Amino acid sequence: MAVELKDLTKRSENYSQWYNELVVKSDLAEQSAVRGCMVIKPYGYAIWEKMQQQLDRMFKETGHVNAYFPLLIPKSFLSREAEHVEGFAKECAVVTHYRLKNDPNGGGVVVDPEAKLEEELIIRPTSETIIWNTYKNWINSYRDLPILVNQWANVFRWEMRTRLFLRTAEFLWQEGHTAHATREEAEEEAVRMLNVYGDFAEKYMAVPVIKGVKSANERFAGALNTYTIEAMMQDGKALQSGTSHFLGQNFAKAFNVQFVNKDNQLEYVWATSWGVSTRLMGALIMTHSDDNGLVLPPHLAPIQVVIVPIYKSQEQLHQIDEKVAGIVARLKDLGISVKYDNADNKRPGFKFADYEVKGVPVRLVMGGRDLENNTIEVMRRDTLEKETRTCDGIEQYVKDLLEDIQANIYQKALNYRNARITSVDTYDEFKERIEEGGFILAHWDGTTETELRIKEETKATIRCIPFDTFLPGDKEPGKCMVTGKPSPCRVIFARSY
């Protein structure tokens, strides 16, 4: 079984298959009986919980509060903002009836045709419409603003091609929805929350991201501007890892949400929305993991340290138990999550393979000789390096080691990404380079027509117009690689998930 756990397809052989196998073998998730939906297993959910808890703290530090809005949205609400309904219409699941009954012909349960809803209900693909219909009741005056609300929820978008965590019909996420008195406040909020996402990705997930603004074609349906963080996976593809939208007054006008400003005049409210989802789990897996399994950043690992005893007798196990109890207590005092696995139903070799595939950052092993010598074996998951150390002061050493692993896997991912950012001037060179993967900086004339042509011919999309400079000349004007028309700066292209 230990061999089977580690018998993963190699990334170099089939990256997609490696990912699919790893999600299942590391006990993160599995397919469900409902097509396109997944079961997030306890270990996978524990990682999501740590993400959720940290993001929730960061949201609250920026003044946001949590609320909850209905799962079902009246169909008429989606009709009110034209771009929004156009963007989501093909993905909506529709509730048409409210009752079942037994089939009189013995065919099991059937929909009761007499229980048809007067108005169909949509399972939320996102909550702008139901929330702005609610905000209409909350907002009268500038004194009621800003409203800074976040919702932790599930959403449903009908997907034909699904992959665990990356693209499922139902997924978990958070969606912030804020209301402001001025355009400036709303735009500041949208950028602030993008920066929160960027900080979370880099400091907790150890995933380097590029921040930027989406092209008009890639914007959220109903937004004036969409800001994004883009990460590079180990196969050179991009993964959109979080977005923040400046919605202008579109939803306020659609739902007639007005307020009396300081000059005693009626004005429409300014809005933002922003969200990250369980897709972050996919980013975590594909950025760091290797052919032996998951590599989890210590800041998000449910188990940061596992301790495994190796013993020849029950008496020896009892002695190791006593010795390890003090180490466990001191590690916990330092705020480290630790598991002592002295269960006798699995051999040490199986445990090693299991915790390795699950990406536990640090493994400590104590055997009979260690007991005599007051030593313990330390293995770090990111490099698989082992060393034997004295038990004296081991707790502080492990605490420092966890921070070193966190920094190391971030730096490794950053070096990899930066090495795969290239700049091109001609469309022929672009077509060659895109086959190699990575991020390509190129000039584009700003038109949707050119953008769609590039996508159709190369399967590459504009990931963002980046805020930062990555290569010399990025921000200087030039000529579009396709049409030769003027371009104000280079944009980032990549194939993506």
Protein backbone atom coordinates (compact mmCIF):
# COMPACT_ATOMS: atom_id res chain seq x y z
CA MET A 1 0.00 0.00 0.00
CA ALA A 2 2.88 2.37 0.79
CA VAL A 3 4.22 1.87 -2.73
CA GLU A 4 0.76 2.40 -4.22
CA LEU A 5 0.33 5.70 -2.38
CA LYS A 6 3.53 7.05 -3.94
CA ASP A 7 2.91 5.49 -7.35
CA LEU A 8 1.97 8.80 -8.93
CA THR A 9 2.17 9.60 -12.61
CA LYS A 10 5.20 11.87 -13.04
CA ARG A 11 4.54 15.53 -13.82
CA SER A 12 6.89 15.34 -16.81
CA GLU A 13 4.90 12.42 -18.29
CA ASN A 14 1.36 13.75 -17.91
CA TYR A 15 0.86 16.85 -15.78
CA SER A 16 -2.92 16.72 -15.97
CA GLN A 17 -3.07 13.08 -14.88
CA TRP A 18 -0.52 13.75 -12.11
CA TYR A 19 -2.82 16.47 -10.74
CA ASN A 20 -5.98 14.36 -10.91
CA GLU A 21 -4.31 11.40 -9.19
CA LEU A 22 -2.69 13.55 -6.52
CA VAL A 23 -5.96 15.19 -5.44
CA VAL A 24 -7.45 11.72 -4.84
CA LYS A 25 -4.37 9.96 -3.40
CA SER A 26 -3.64 12.77 -0.93
CA ASP A 27 -7.21 12.47 0.36
CA LEU A 28 -8.26 16.01 -0.58
CA ALA A 29 -11.38 15.33 -2.64
CA GLU A 30 -13.22 12.88 -4.85
CA GLN A 31 -15.92 12.87 -7.49
CA SER A 32 -19.50 12.76 -6.19
CA ALA A 33 -22.68 11.05 -7.38
CA VAL A 34 -23.74 14.42 -8.81
CA ARG A 35 -22.03 15.03 -12.15
CA GLY A 36 -19.58 17.91 -12.01
CA CYS A 37 -19.71 18.22 -8.20
CA MET A 38 -17.05 17.09 -5.74
CA VAL A 39 -16.84 15.77 -2.21
CA ILE A 40 -14.20 17.72 -0.29
CA LYS A 41 -12.76 15.19 2.18
CA PRO A 42 -11.76 16.12 5.75
CA TYR A 43 -8.06 16.65 4.96
CA GLY A 44 -8.88 18.85 1.96
CA TYR A 45 -11.50 20.74 3.92
CA ALA A 46 -8.99 21.32 6.76
CA ILE A 47 -6.73 23.17 4.30
CA TRP A 48 -9.69 25.19 2.98
CA GLU A 49 -10.66 26.03 6.58
CA LYS A 50 -7.18 27.42 7.26
CA MET A 51 -7.43 29.52 4.10
CA GLN A 52 -10.90 30.67 5.12
CA GLN A 53 -9.85 31.57 8.66
CA GLN A 54 -6.86 33.61 7.52
CA LEU A 55 -8.76 35.44 4.78
CA ASP A 56 -11.62 36.12 7.21
CA ARG A 57 -9.15 37.74 9.63
CA MET A 58 -7.74 39.87 6.81
CA PHE A 59 -11.22 40.95 5.68
CA LYS A 60 -12.20 41.94 9.23
CA GLU A 61 -8.96 43.89 9.66
CA THR A 62 -10.06 46.01 6.67
CA GLY A 63 -13.46 46.69 8.25
CA HIS A 64 -15.62 44.04 6.59
CA VAL A 65 -18.34 42.01 8.30
CA ASN A 66 -19.97 38.71 7.33
CA ALA A 67 -23.60 38.18 6.36
CA TYR A 68 -25.58 35.53 4.50
CA PHE A 69 -27.97 35.87 1.55
CA PRO A 70 -30.35 33.34 -0.08
CA LEU A 71 -29.17 30.50 -2.31
CA LEU A 72 -32.14 31.03 -4.66
CA ILE A 73 -32.54 34.15 -6.78
CA PRO A 74 -35.77 35.15 -8.61
CA LYS A 75 -35.18 34.86 -12.36
CA SER A 76 -36.41 38.44 -12.92
CA PHE A 77 -33.49 39.78 -10.81
CA LEU A 78 -30.98 38.44 -13.31
CA SER A 79 -32.79 40.22 -16.15
CA ARG A 80 -32.21 43.65 -14.66
CA GLU A 81 -28.51 44.03 -15.48
CA ALA A 82 -28.15 43.09 -19.16
CA GLU A 83 -24.39 42.35 -19.23
CA HIS A 84 -24.64 40.33 -16.04
CA VAL A 85 -27.38 38.02 -17.31
CA GLU A 86 -25.57 37.63 -20.63
CA GLY A 87 -22.42 36.57 -18.77
CA PHE A 88 -24.11 33.92 -16.63
CA ALA A 89 -27.17 32.79 -18.60
CA LYS A 90 -25.56 29.63 -20.01
CA GLU A 91 -24.34 28.48 -16.57
CA CYS A 92 -27.55 28.83 -14.56
CA ALA A 93 -29.40 25.97 -12.89
CA VAL A 94 -33.12 26.72 -12.72
CA VAL A 95 -35.65 25.60 -10.08
CA THR A 96 -39.10 25.26 -11.68
CA HIS A 97 -41.16 23.18 -9.18
CA TYR A 98 -41.48 22.97 -5.41
CA ARG A 99 -42.87 19.47 -4.80
CA LEU A 100 -42.39 15.79 -5.69
CA LYS A 101 -44.90 12.95 -5.53
CA ASN A 102 -44.98 9.18 -5.94
CA ASP A 103 -45.57 8.07 -9.52
CA PRO A 104 -49.01 6.38 -9.61
CA ASN A 105 -47.56 4.02 -12.26
CA GLY A 106 -44.89 2.82 -9.85
CA GLY A 107 -42.01 4.73 -11.44
CA GLY A 108 -40.67 6.11 -8.14
CA VAL A 109 -40.68 9.80 -7.35
CA VAL A 110 -41.73 12.32 -10.01
CA VAL A 111 -42.12 16.08 -10.16
CA ASP A 112 -45.65 17.16 -9.28
CA PRO A 113 -46.82 19.10 -12.38
CA GLU A 114 -49.26 21.07 -10.21
CA ALA A 115 -46.40 22.42 -8.10
CA LYS A 116 -44.96 24.73 -10.75
CA LEU A 117 -43.46 27.95 -9.39
CA GLU A 118 -45.03 31.22 -10.56
CA GLU A 119 -41.52 32.55 -11.12
CA GLU A 120 -38.53 30.26 -11.63
CA LEU A 121 -35.66 30.54 -9.19
CA ILE A 122 -31.97 30.47 -10.10
CA ILE A 123 -29.40 28.72 -7.91
CA ARG A 124 -26.95 31.56 -7.38
CA PRO A 125 -24.02 31.66 -9.83
CA THR A 126 -22.98 34.80 -7.90
CA SER A 127 -24.99 37.06 -5.60
CA GLU A 128 -24.84 40.64 -6.94
CA THR A 129 -28.53 40.72 -7.89
CA ILE A 130 -30.04 39.38 -4.65
CA ILE A 131 -27.66 41.49 -2.57
CA TRP A 132 -28.35 44.75 -4.41
CA ASN A 133 -32.06 44.12 -4.15
CA THR A 134 -31.47 43.84 -0.38
CA TYR A 135 -29.20 46.90 -0.16
CA LYS A 136 -32.10 48.97 -1.53
CA ASN A 137 -33.73 48.50 1.90
CA TRP A 138 -30.56 49.31 3.84
CA ILE A 139 -29.45 52.52 2.13
CA ASN A 140 -31.20 55.89 2.34
CA SER A 141 -28.56 58.43 3.22
CA TYR A 142 -24.79 58.92 2.94
CA ARG A 143 -24.75 58.09 6.67
CA ASP A 144 -25.63 54.47 5.75
CA LEU A 145 -22.47 54.16 3.67
CA PRO A 146 -20.13 52.46 3.17
CA ILE A 147 -21.54 48.94 3.48
CA LEU A 148 -18.65 46.47 3.69
CA VAL A 149 -20.15 42.97 3.64
CA ASN A 150 -18.68 39.57 2.85
CA GLN A 151 -20.45 36.24 2.40
CA TRP A 152 -18.96 32.74 2.76
CA ALA A 153 -21.12 30.52 0.57
CA ASN A 154 -21.45 27.97 -2.21
CA VAL A 155 -22.38 28.86 -5.77
CA PHE A 156 -23.44 26.81 -8.78
CA ARG A 157 -22.37 27.30 -12.39
CA TRP A 158 -23.24 24.54 -14.82
CA GLU A 159 -19.94 23.20 -16.16
CA MET A 160 -19.52 20.57 -18.84
CA ARG A 161 -15.80 19.88 -18.39
CA THR A 162 -14.93 19.64 -14.72
CA ARG A 163 -11.73 19.06 -12.71
CA LEU A 164 -11.55 18.73 -8.94
CA PHE A 165 -11.04 22.15 -7.31
CA LEU A 166 -10.18 23.89 -10.60
CA ARG A 167 -13.56 23.83 -12.29
CA THR A 168 -16.60 22.23 -10.64
CA ALA A 169 -20.29 23.00 -11.04
CA GLU A 170 -20.69 23.72 -7.33
CA PHE A 171 -17.82 25.33 -5.47
CA LEU A 172 -17.17 27.10 -2.18
CA TRP A 173 -16.05 30.70 -2.09
CA GLN A 174 -16.39 34.07 -0.46
CA GLU A 175 -17.92 37.05 -2.19
CA GLY A 176 -17.52 40.58 -0.91
CA HIS A 177 -20.15 43.13 -1.91
CA THR A 178 -19.59 46.73 -0.92
CA ALA A 179 -21.52 49.97 -1.41
CA HIS A 180 -19.93 53.44 -1.41
CA ALA A 181 -20.86 57.11 -1.64
CA THR A 182 -18.19 58.02 -4.22
CA ARG A 183 -16.52 56.52 -7.25
CA GLU A 184 -13.09 57.10 -5.67
CA GLU A 185 -14.00 55.12 -2.54
CA ALA A 186 -15.29 52.20 -4.59
CA GLU A 187 -12.23 52.10 -6.83
CA GLU A 188 -9.94 52.25 -3.77
CA GLU A 189 -11.88 49.37 -2.22
CA ALA A 190 -11.53 47.20 -5.35
CA VAL A 191 -7.76 47.70 -5.42
CA ARG A 192 -7.45 47.29 -1.62
CA MET A 193 -9.12 43.89 -1.75
CA LEU A 194 -6.98 42.81 -4.69
CA ASN A 195 -3.95 43.64 -2.55
CA VAL A 196 -5.40 41.57 0.31
CA TYR A 197 -5.66 38.62 -2.08
CA GLY A 198 -2.11 39.21 -3.29
CA ASP A 199 -0.75 39.31 0.27
CA PHE A 200 -2.64 36.14 1.17
CA ALA A 201 -1.40 34.27 -1.92
CA GLU A 202 2.23 35.21 -1.34
CA LYS A 203 2.51 35.17 2.48
CA TYR A 204 0.28 32.18 3.24
CA MET A 205 0.00 30.11 0.06
CA ALA A 206 3.63 30.90 -0.92
CA VAL A 207 2.32 31.48 -4.46
CA PRO A 208 3.82 34.46 -6.32
CA VAL A 209 1.18 36.40 -8.24
CA ILE A 210 1.03 39.14 -10.84
CA LYS A 211 -1.50 41.88 -10.15
CA GLY A 212 -3.18 43.71 -12.97
CA VAL A 213 -6.37 44.76 -14.69
CA LYS A 214 -8.33 42.55 -17.09
CA SER A 215 -9.01 43.48 -20.70
CA ALA A 216 -12.60 44.48 -21.54
CA ASN A 217 -13.23 41.03 -23.02
CA GLU A 218 -12.11 39.25 -19.84
CA ARG A 219 -13.99 41.49 -17.38
CA PHE A 220 -16.61 40.19 -14.96
CA ALA A 221 -20.11 40.50 -16.45
CA GLY A 222 -21.46 43.88 -15.33
CA ALA A 223 -18.14 45.38 -14.15
CA LEU A 224 -16.43 48.57 -15.36
CA ASN A 225 -13.06 47.17 -14.31
CA THR A 226 -11.87 43.76 -13.12
CA TYR A 227 -8.59 43.45 -11.22
CA THR A 228 -6.89 40.08 -10.97
CA ILE A 229 -4.06 38.11 -9.42
CA GLU A 230 -2.54 35.62 -11.86
CA ALA A 231 -0.35 32.70 -10.80
CA MET A 232 1.82 30.42 -12.91
CA MET A 233 1.50 26.66 -12.46
CA GLN A 234 4.40 24.24 -12.95
CA ASP A 235 3.25 23.39 -16.48
CA GLY A 236 3.57 27.06 -17.46
CA LYS A 237 -0.18 27.71 -17.57
CA ALA A 238 -1.81 30.64 -15.80
CA LEU A 239 -4.42 30.27 -13.08
CA GLN A 240 -6.63 33.24 -12.22
CA SER A 241 -6.46 33.08 -8.44
CA GLY A 242 -8.65 35.96 -7.29
CA THR A 243 -10.57 38.87 -8.77
CA SER A 244 -11.91 42.19 -7.56
CA HIS A 245 -14.46 44.18 -9.55
CA PHE A 246 -15.29 47.87 -9.71
CA LEU A 247 -18.97 47.73 -10.66
CA GLY A 248 -19.58 51.48 -10.98
CA GLN A 249 -23.28 52.29 -10.55
CA ASN A 250 -24.55 49.49 -12.81
CA PHE A 251 -26.20 47.39 -10.10
CA ALA A 252 -27.40 50.43 -8.15
CA LYS A 253 -29.21 51.63 -11.27
CA ALA A 254 -30.56 48.16 -12.06
CA PHE A 255 -32.07 47.88 -8.56
CA ASN A 256 -32.71 51.60 -8.00
CA VAL A 257 -30.38 51.93 -4.99
CA GLN A 258 -30.06 55.65 -4.32
CA PHE A 259 -28.94 57.73 -1.36
CA VAL A 260 -29.23 61.35 -0.25
CA ASN A 261 -25.70 62.80 -0.36
CA LYS A 262 -24.21 65.51 1.87
CA ASP A 263 -25.62 68.19 -0.45
CA ASN A 264 -29.11 66.73 0.04
CA GLN A 265 -29.22 65.40 -3.54
CA LEU A 266 -30.24 61.93 -4.70
CA GLU A 267 -27.39 59.88 -6.15
CA TYR A 268 -26.82 56.26 -7.18
CA VAL A 269 -24.51 54.17 -4.98
CA TRP A 270 -21.08 52.98 -6.21
CA ALA A 271 -20.28 49.28 -5.91
CA THR A 272 -17.59 46.60 -5.78
CA SER A 273 -17.54 42.84 -5.55
CA TRP A 274 -14.59 40.49 -5.05
CA GLY A 275 -14.05 36.79 -4.51
CA VAL A 276 -11.77 33.79 -4.20
CA SER A 277 -12.85 30.17 -4.27
CA THR A 278 -11.78 26.57 -3.67
CA ARG A 279 -9.86 27.03 -6.94
CA LEU A 280 -7.10 28.28 -4.61
CA MET A 281 -6.69 24.65 -3.57
CA GLY A 282 -5.80 23.86 -7.17
CA ALA A 283 -3.27 26.71 -7.19
CA LEU A 284 -1.69 25.41 -4.00
CA ILE A 285 -1.34 21.89 -5.38
CA MET A 286 -0.06 22.82 -8.83
CA THR A 287 2.44 25.46 -7.70
CA HIS A 288 4.40 23.45 -5.14
CA SER A 289 3.74 19.72 -5.27
CA ASP A 290 6.15 17.14 -6.72
CA ASP A 291 6.28 13.55 -7.93
CA ASN A 292 6.10 12.29 -4.33
CA GLY A 293 2.86 14.10 -3.52
CA LEU A 294 1.68 17.36 -2.00
CA VAL A 295 4.08 20.01 -0.75
CA LEU A 296 2.08 22.24 1.60
CA PRO A 297 3.18 25.66 2.83
CA PRO A 298 3.51 25.45 6.64
CA HIS A 299 1.25 28.51 7.08
CA LEU A 300 -1.70 26.52 5.68
CA ALA A 301 -0.81 22.90 6.50
CA PRO A 302 -3.44 21.27 8.78
CA ILE A 303 -0.64 19.17 10.31
CA GLN A 304 2.64 21.11 10.36
CA VAL A 305 4.66 18.43 12.15
CA VAL A 306 4.11 14.67 12.39
CA ILE A 307 6.07 12.50 14.82
CA VAL A 308 6.42 8.77 14.11
CA PRO A 309 7.93 6.30 16.61
CA ILE A 310 9.91 3.21 15.56
CA TYR A 311 10.01 0.59 18.28
CA LYS A 312 10.76 -3.10 18.88
CA SER A 313 8.62 -3.65 21.96
CA GLN A 314 5.67 -2.19 23.80
CA GLU A 315 8.02 -1.18 26.62
CA GLN A 316 10.19 0.77 24.20
CA LEU A 317 7.09 2.41 22.69
CA HIS A 318 6.00 3.44 26.18
CA GLN A 319 9.40 5.11 26.76
CA ILE A 320 9.21 6.90 23.41
CA ASP A 321 5.63 8.00 24.21
CA GLU A 322 6.85 9.61 27.42
CA LYS A 323 9.76 11.34 25.71
CA VAL A 324 7.65 12.61 22.80
CA ALA A 325 4.83 13.89 25.06
CA GLY A 326 7.05 16.74 26.26
CA ILE A 327 8.12 17.64 22.71
CA VAL A 328 4.48 17.66 21.53
CA ALA A 329 3.43 19.92 24.42
CA ARG A 330 6.26 22.39 23.79
CA LEU A 331 5.56 22.47 20.02
CA LYS A 332 1.89 23.21 20.75
CA ASP A 333 2.95 25.99 23.14
CA LEU A 334 4.77 27.56 20.18
CA GLY A 335 1.50 27.50 18.18
CA ILE A 336 2.53 24.57 15.96
CA SER A 337 -0.03 21.96 14.93
CA VAL A 338 1.50 18.55 15.62
CA LYS A 339 0.35 14.95 15.34
CA TYR A 340 2.00 12.06 17.19
CA ASP A 341 1.14 8.92 15.24
CA ASN A 342 1.82 5.95 17.51
CA ALA A 343 -1.06 3.88 16.11
CA ASP A 344 0.01 0.23 15.83
CA ASN A 345 -2.25 -0.68 12.87
CA LYS A 346 0.13 0.74 10.24
CA ARG A 347 3.85 0.16 9.70
CA PRO A 348 6.27 3.13 9.87
CA GLY A 349 7.00 2.83 6.13
CA PHE A 350 3.32 3.23 5.30
CA LYS A 351 3.09 6.26 7.61
CA PHE A 352 6.14 7.87 5.99
CA ALA A 353 4.63 7.46 2.50
CA ASP A 354 1.20 8.64 3.65
CA TYR A 355 2.43 11.84 5.31
CA GLU A 356 4.78 12.51 2.41
CA VAL A 357 1.98 12.30 -0.18
CA LYS A 358 -0.15 14.52 2.10
CA GLY A 359 2.58 17.16 2.15
CA VAL A 360 3.14 17.44 5.92
CA PRO A 361 6.01 20.00 6.10
CA VAL A 362 8.13 18.38 8.84
CA ARG A 363 8.44 14.75 9.92
CA LEU A 364 10.16 13.75 13.15
CA VAL A 365 11.12 10.12 13.79
CA MET A 366 12.27 8.65 17.11
CA GLY A 367 13.61 5.10 17.44
CA GLY A 368 15.31 3.11 20.17
CA ARG A 369 18.78 4.47 19.42
CA ASP A 370 17.40 8.04 19.37
CA LEU A 371 15.90 7.39 22.80
CA GLU A 372 19.31 6.35 24.16
CA ASN A 373 21.16 9.26 22.51
CA ASN A 374 18.53 11.98 23.18
CA THR A 375 18.23 12.57 19.42
CA ILE A 376 15.48 12.70 16.82
CA GLU A 377 15.47 12.48 13.01
CA VAL A 378 14.13 15.55 11.18
CA MET A 379 12.92 15.47 7.57
CA ARG A 380 11.67 18.50 5.66
CA ARG A 381 9.07 17.76 2.97
CA ASP A 382 10.10 20.48 0.50
CA THR A 383 13.62 19.10 -0.12
CA LEU A 384 13.26 15.61 1.45
CA GLU A 385 16.51 16.30 3.36
CA LYS A 386 17.02 14.39 6.62
CA GLU A 387 19.23 15.13 9.60
CA THR A 388 19.59 13.86 13.15
CA ARG A 389 19.48 16.46 15.91
CA THR A 390 19.55 16.53 19.68
CA CYS A 391 16.16 16.75 21.36
CA ASP A 392 17.37 19.73 23.39
CA GLY A 393 15.86 22.84 21.80
CA ILE A 394 14.26 20.82 19.00
CA GLU A 395 10.99 22.75 19.31
CA GLN A 396 12.51 26.14 18.46
CA TYR A 397 14.55 24.53 15.70
CA VAL A 398 11.37 23.10 14.16
CA LYS A 399 9.56 26.44 14.47
CA ASP A 400 12.40 28.16 12.58
CA LEU A 401 12.53 25.30 10.07
CA LEU A 402 8.83 25.75 9.25
CA GLU A 403 9.46 29.42 8.41
CA ASP A 404 12.46 28.42 6.31
CA ILE A 405 10.31 25.92 4.36
CA GLN A 406 7.62 28.57 3.81
CA ALA A 407 10.22 31.01 2.45
CA ASN A 408 11.96 28.33 0.38
CA ILE A 409 8.89 27.10 -1.47
CA TYR A 410 7.85 30.69 -2.22
CA GLN A 411 11.31 31.51 -3.57
CA LYS A 412 11.39 28.33 -5.65
CA ALA A 413 8.00 29.18 -7.20
CA LEU A 414 9.08 32.80 -7.78
CA ASN A 415 12.33 31.78 -9.48
CA TYR A 416 10.43 29.33 -11.69
CA ARG A 417 7.84 31.92 -12.69
CA ASN A 418 10.37 34.68 -13.37
CA ALA A 419 12.46 32.35 -15.53
CA ARG A 420 9.40 31.70 -17.69
CA ILE A 421 8.39 35.30 -18.40
CA THR A 422 9.51 36.32 -21.87
CA SER A 423 8.99 39.30 -24.14
CA VAL A 424 8.22 39.07 -27.88
CA ASP A 425 7.74 41.60 -30.67
CA THR A 426 6.38 39.51 -33.55
CA TYR A 427 3.32 37.28 -33.85
CA ASP A 428 5.42 34.45 -35.35
CA GLU A 429 7.71 34.46 -32.31
CA PHE A 430 4.65 34.60 -30.05
CA LYS A 431 3.21 31.48 -31.70
CA GLU A 432 6.48 29.62 -31.14
CA ARG A 433 6.91 30.73 -27.52
CA ILE A 434 3.32 30.03 -26.45
CA GLU A 435 3.89 26.33 -27.23
CA GLU A 436 6.62 26.31 -24.56
CA GLY A 437 4.28 27.66 -21.87
CA GLY A 438 4.90 30.52 -19.47
CA PHE A 439 3.90 34.19 -19.49
CA ILE A 440 4.53 36.23 -22.62
CA LEU A 441 4.72 40.02 -22.59
CA ALA A 442 3.63 41.45 -25.93
CA HIS A 443 2.10 44.57 -27.43
CA TRP A 444 -1.62 44.50 -28.25
CA ASP A 445 -3.71 47.16 -29.98
CA GLY A 446 -6.44 47.19 -27.31
CA THR A 447 -9.21 45.78 -29.51
CA THR A 448 -11.42 42.81 -28.69
CA GLU A 449 -11.15 41.67 -32.33
CA THR A 450 -7.38 41.21 -32.09
CA GLU A 451 -7.68 39.60 -28.66
CA LEU A 452 -10.22 37.05 -29.93
CA ARG A 453 -8.13 36.30 -33.00
CA ILE A 454 -5.09 35.54 -30.84
CA LYS A 455 -7.21 33.30 -28.61
CA GLU A 456 -8.69 31.43 -31.57
CA GLU A 457 -5.33 30.90 -33.28
CA THR A 458 -3.14 30.14 -30.24
CA LYS A 459 -5.48 29.30 -27.30
CA ALA A 460 -3.73 32.09 -25.37
CA THR A 461 -5.64 34.82 -23.54
CA ILE A 462 -4.69 38.17 -22.09
CA ARG A 463 -4.25 37.38 -18.39
CA CYS A 464 -3.92 41.04 -17.40
CA ILE A 465 -2.40 44.42 -18.08
CA PRO A 466 0.12 44.23 -15.20
CA PHE A 467 0.60 46.97 -12.62
CA ASP A 468 4.30 46.21 -12.22
CA THR A 469 7.20 46.12 -14.67
CA PHE A 470 8.76 42.70 -15.22
CA LEU A 471 11.11 43.20 -18.15
CA PRO A 472 12.78 46.36 -19.52
CA GLY A 473 10.49 48.32 -21.82
CA ASP A 474 7.24 46.72 -20.61
CA LYS A 475 5.56 50.03 -19.94
CA GLU A 476 6.85 51.80 -23.05
CA PRO A 477 4.56 52.25 -26.08
CA GLY A 478 5.05 50.04 -29.12
CA LYS A 479 3.23 48.34 -31.98
CA CYS A 480 0.72 45.49 -31.71
CA MET A 481 2.42 42.21 -32.65
CA VAL A 482 -0.60 41.24 -34.80
CA THR A 483 -1.88 44.42 -36.47
CA GLY A 484 1.03 46.85 -36.13
CA LYS A 485 -1.31 49.45 -34.60
CA PRO A 486 -0.13 51.55 -31.62
CA SER A 487 -0.01 49.90 -28.18
CA PRO A 488 0.51 51.83 -24.92
CA CYS A 489 2.31 48.99 -23.10
CA ARG A 490 2.88 45.24 -23.12
CA VAL A 491 0.25 42.90 -21.67
CA ILE A 492 0.60 39.37 -20.31
CA PHE A 493 -0.57 36.48 -22.44
CA ALA A 494 -0.70 32.82 -21.41
CA ARG A 495 -2.66 29.65 -21.85
CA SER A 496 -4.72 29.15 -18.75
CA TYR A 497 -6.89 26.89 -16.63
